[in-house]
Amino acid sequence: MSELTNRVRELRARDRLSQGDLAAQIGASRQTIALIERGDYSPSIVLALKIAAVFEVSVEEIFALKGGTDNG
């Protein structure tokens, strides 16, 4: 099974944002950000798009499947 990996913590550190700061900007809880960073929660596409908008990068630059197969 594929695992979703992410660079949220790295990008948050780059922009000097706390988990709470990022959460407030995307309308989520700090706990949700912590779960996403640990890989314990996969965000909805809407939430992923909001995160990407904050960091001004594409969703693909933040989230990737590890161990999956390419179906395209």
N, C-alpha and C. Protein backbone atom coordinates (compact mmCIF):
# COMPACT_ATOMS: atom_id res chain seq x y z
N MET A 1 0.84 -1.19 0.00
CA MET A 1 0.00 0.00 0.00
C MET A 1 0.88 1.25 0.00
N SER A 2 0.41 2.29 -0.64
CA SER A 2 1.17 3.54 -0.73
C SER A 2 1.03 4.36 0.54
N GLU A 3 2.10 5.06 0.85
CA GLU A 3 2.11 5.95 2.01
C GLU A 3 2.28 7.37 1.51
N LEU A 4 1.50 8.29 2.06
CA LEU A 4 1.61 9.70 1.68
C LEU A 4 2.71 10.35 2.50
N THR A 5 3.71 10.89 1.82
CA THR A 5 4.77 11.62 2.51
C THR A 5 4.55 13.11 2.25
N ASN A 6 5.16 13.94 3.08
CA ASN A 6 4.96 15.38 2.89
C ASN A 6 6.15 16.19 3.39
N ARG A 7 6.18 17.44 2.95
CA ARG A 7 7.23 18.39 3.33
C ARG A 7 6.65 19.55 4.14
N VAL A 8 5.52 19.34 4.80
CA VAL A 8 4.86 20.43 5.52
C VAL A 8 5.77 21.01 6.59
N ARG A 9 6.37 20.16 7.41
CA ARG A 9 7.24 20.65 8.49
C ARG A 9 8.40 21.48 7.91
N GLU A 10 9.02 20.96 6.86
CA GLU A 10 10.14 21.66 6.23
C GLU A 10 9.72 23.04 5.70
N LEU A 11 8.60 23.10 5.00
CA LEU A 11 8.14 24.37 4.44
C LEU A 11 7.68 25.33 5.53
N ARG A 12 7.08 24.79 6.57
CA ARG A 12 6.65 25.62 7.69
C ARG A 12 7.87 26.25 8.38
N ALA A 13 8.92 25.47 8.55
CA ALA A 13 10.14 25.99 9.16
C ALA A 13 10.78 27.05 8.27
N ARG A 14 10.78 26.79 6.97
CA ARG A 14 11.33 27.75 6.01
C ARG A 14 10.66 29.12 6.15
N ASP A 15 9.33 29.09 6.31
CA ASP A 15 8.57 30.33 6.40
C ASP A 15 8.38 30.82 7.83
N ARG A 16 9.03 30.13 8.77
CA ARG A 16 8.98 30.50 10.20
C ARG A 16 7.54 30.58 10.72
N LEU A 17 6.76 29.57 10.38
CA LEU A 17 5.39 29.48 10.86
C LEU A 17 5.29 28.39 11.93
N SER A 18 4.52 28.65 12.96
CA SER A 18 4.23 27.60 13.94
C SER A 18 3.11 26.74 13.37
N GLN A 19 2.88 25.60 13.98
CA GLN A 19 1.75 24.76 13.57
C GLN A 19 0.45 25.56 13.72
N GLY A 20 0.35 26.33 14.78
CA GLY A 20 -0.84 27.14 15.00
C GLY A 20 -1.03 28.21 13.94
N ASP A 21 0.09 28.83 13.52
CA ASP A 21 0.02 29.85 12.47
C ASP A 21 -0.53 29.26 11.18
N LEU A 22 0.05 28.12 10.78
CA LEU A 22 -0.40 27.47 9.55
C LEU A 22 -1.86 27.05 9.67
N ALA A 23 -2.20 26.47 10.80
CA ALA A 23 -3.59 26.03 11.02
C ALA A 23 -4.56 27.19 10.87
N ALA A 24 -4.24 28.34 11.46
CA ALA A 24 -5.12 29.50 11.39
C ALA A 24 -5.29 29.97 9.94
N GLN A 25 -4.22 29.90 9.16
CA GLN A 25 -4.28 30.36 7.78
C GLN A 25 -5.13 29.46 6.88
N ILE A 26 -5.25 28.19 7.24
CA ILE A 26 -6.00 27.26 6.38
C ILE A 26 -7.33 26.82 7.00
N GLY A 27 -7.64 27.31 8.19
CA GLY A 27 -8.90 26.97 8.83
C GLY A 27 -8.93 25.57 9.40
N ALA A 28 -7.80 25.13 9.94
CA ALA A 28 -7.71 23.80 10.55
C ALA A 28 -7.22 23.96 11.99
N SER A 29 -7.11 22.86 12.69
CA SER A 29 -6.58 22.92 14.06
C SER A 29 -5.07 22.64 14.05
N ARG A 30 -4.40 23.07 15.11
CA ARG A 30 -2.98 22.80 15.25
C ARG A 30 -2.74 21.29 15.28
N GLN A 31 -3.67 20.58 15.92
CA GLN A 31 -3.54 19.12 16.00
C GLN A 31 -3.58 18.48 14.62
N THR A 32 -4.40 19.01 13.72
CA THR A 32 -4.47 18.48 12.36
C THR A 32 -3.13 18.66 11.66
N ILE A 33 -2.50 19.82 11.84
CA ILE A 33 -1.19 20.05 11.23
C ILE A 33 -0.17 19.07 11.79
N ALA A 34 -0.20 18.86 13.09
CA ALA A 34 0.73 17.90 13.71
C ALA A 34 0.53 16.50 13.14
N LEU A 35 -0.71 16.08 12.98
CA LEU A 35 -1.01 14.76 12.43
C LEU A 35 -0.54 14.63 10.98
N ILE A 36 -0.74 15.68 10.19
CA ILE A 36 -0.29 15.67 8.80
C ILE A 36 1.23 15.55 8.75
N GLU A 37 1.92 16.35 9.55
CA GLU A 37 3.39 16.32 9.55
C GLU A 37 3.94 14.96 9.94
N ARG A 38 3.29 14.29 10.87
CA ARG A 38 3.73 12.96 11.31
C ARG A 38 3.34 11.87 10.33
N GLY A 39 2.48 12.19 9.38
CA GLY A 39 2.02 11.18 8.44
C GLY A 39 0.89 10.33 8.98
N ASP A 40 0.27 10.79 10.06
CA ASP A 40 -0.83 10.05 10.67
C ASP A 40 -2.20 10.46 10.12
N TYR A 41 -2.22 11.46 9.24
CA TYR A 41 -3.47 11.95 8.67
C TYR A 41 -3.19 12.42 7.25
N SER A 42 -4.01 11.98 6.31
CA SER A 42 -3.91 12.43 4.93
C SER A 42 -4.97 13.50 4.71
N PRO A 43 -4.55 14.71 4.35
CA PRO A 43 -5.51 15.79 4.19
C PRO A 43 -6.40 15.60 2.96
N SER A 44 -7.57 16.20 3.01
CA SER A 44 -8.45 16.22 1.84
C SER A 44 -7.76 17.04 0.75
N ILE A 45 -8.22 16.92 -0.47
CA ILE A 45 -7.63 17.69 -1.56
C ILE A 45 -7.81 19.19 -1.30
N VAL A 46 -8.94 19.58 -0.73
CA VAL A 46 -9.17 20.99 -0.42
C VAL A 46 -8.14 21.49 0.59
N LEU A 47 -7.92 20.73 1.63
CA LEU A 47 -6.94 21.12 2.65
C LEU A 47 -5.53 21.14 2.05
N ALA A 48 -5.20 20.16 1.23
CA ALA A 48 -3.89 20.13 0.58
C ALA A 48 -3.69 21.35 -0.32
N LEU A 49 -4.74 21.75 -1.03
CA LEU A 49 -4.65 22.94 -1.88
C LEU A 49 -4.46 24.21 -1.05
N LYS A 50 -5.13 24.28 0.10
CA LYS A 50 -4.96 25.44 0.98
C LYS A 50 -3.53 25.52 1.52
N ILE A 51 -2.97 24.38 1.89
CA ILE A 51 -1.59 24.34 2.39
C ILE A 51 -0.64 24.78 1.28
N ALA A 52 -0.85 24.27 0.08
CA ALA A 52 0.00 24.64 -1.05
C ALA A 52 -0.08 26.14 -1.33
N ALA A 53 -1.27 26.72 -1.21
CA ALA A 53 -1.43 28.15 -1.45
C ALA A 53 -0.65 28.98 -0.43
N VAL A 54 -0.65 28.56 0.83
CA VAL A 54 0.10 29.29 1.86
C VAL A 54 1.58 29.31 1.52
N PHE A 55 2.11 28.18 1.07
CA PHE A 55 3.54 28.08 0.78
C PHE A 55 3.89 28.49 -0.65
N GLU A 56 2.86 28.80 -1.46
CA GLU A 56 3.03 29.23 -2.86
C GLU A 56 3.81 28.21 -3.68
N VAL A 57 3.43 26.94 -3.50
CA VAL A 57 4.00 25.84 -4.28
C VAL A 57 2.84 24.94 -4.71
N SER A 58 3.14 24.00 -5.59
CA SER A 58 2.10 23.07 -6.02
C SER A 58 1.90 21.99 -4.96
N VAL A 59 0.74 21.36 -5.00
CA VAL A 59 0.46 20.25 -4.08
C VAL A 59 1.52 19.16 -4.23
N GLU A 60 1.92 18.90 -5.48
CA GLU A 60 2.92 17.86 -5.75
C GLU A 60 4.28 18.17 -5.14
N GLU A 61 4.56 19.44 -4.88
CA GLU A 61 5.82 19.80 -4.24
C GLU A 61 5.78 19.56 -2.72
N ILE A 62 4.60 19.34 -2.19
CA ILE A 62 4.44 19.10 -0.75
C ILE A 62 4.16 17.63 -0.45
N PHE A 63 3.25 17.05 -1.22
CA PHE A 63 2.79 15.69 -0.95
C PHE A 63 3.19 14.75 -2.07
N ALA A 64 3.58 13.54 -1.69
CA ALA A 64 3.98 12.51 -2.66
C ALA A 64 3.63 11.13 -2.12
N LEU A 65 3.37 10.21 -3.03
CA LEU A 65 3.14 8.82 -2.64
C LEU A 65 4.47 8.09 -2.59
N LYS A 66 4.69 7.38 -1.52
CA LYS A 66 5.91 6.59 -1.35
C LYS A 66 5.51 5.12 -1.42
N GLY A 67 6.19 4.38 -2.27
CA GLY A 67 5.91 2.95 -2.36
C GLY A 67 4.74 2.62 -3.25
N GLY A 68 4.18 3.59 -3.95
CA GLY A 68 3.07 3.33 -4.83
C GLY A 68 3.53 3.06 -6.25
N THR A 69 2.60 2.71 -7.08
CA THR A 69 2.90 2.50 -8.49
C THR A 69 2.34 3.63 -9.29
N ASP A 70 2.93 3.89 -10.42
CA ASP A 70 2.49 4.95 -11.31
C ASP A 70 1.37 4.40 -12.19
N ASN A 71 0.18 4.97 -12.03
CA ASN A 71 -0.96 4.51 -12.83
C ASN A 71 -1.18 5.38 -14.04
N GLY A 72 -0.26 6.28 -14.33
CA GLY A 72 -0.46 7.20 -15.45
C GLY A 72 0.49 6.91 -16.50
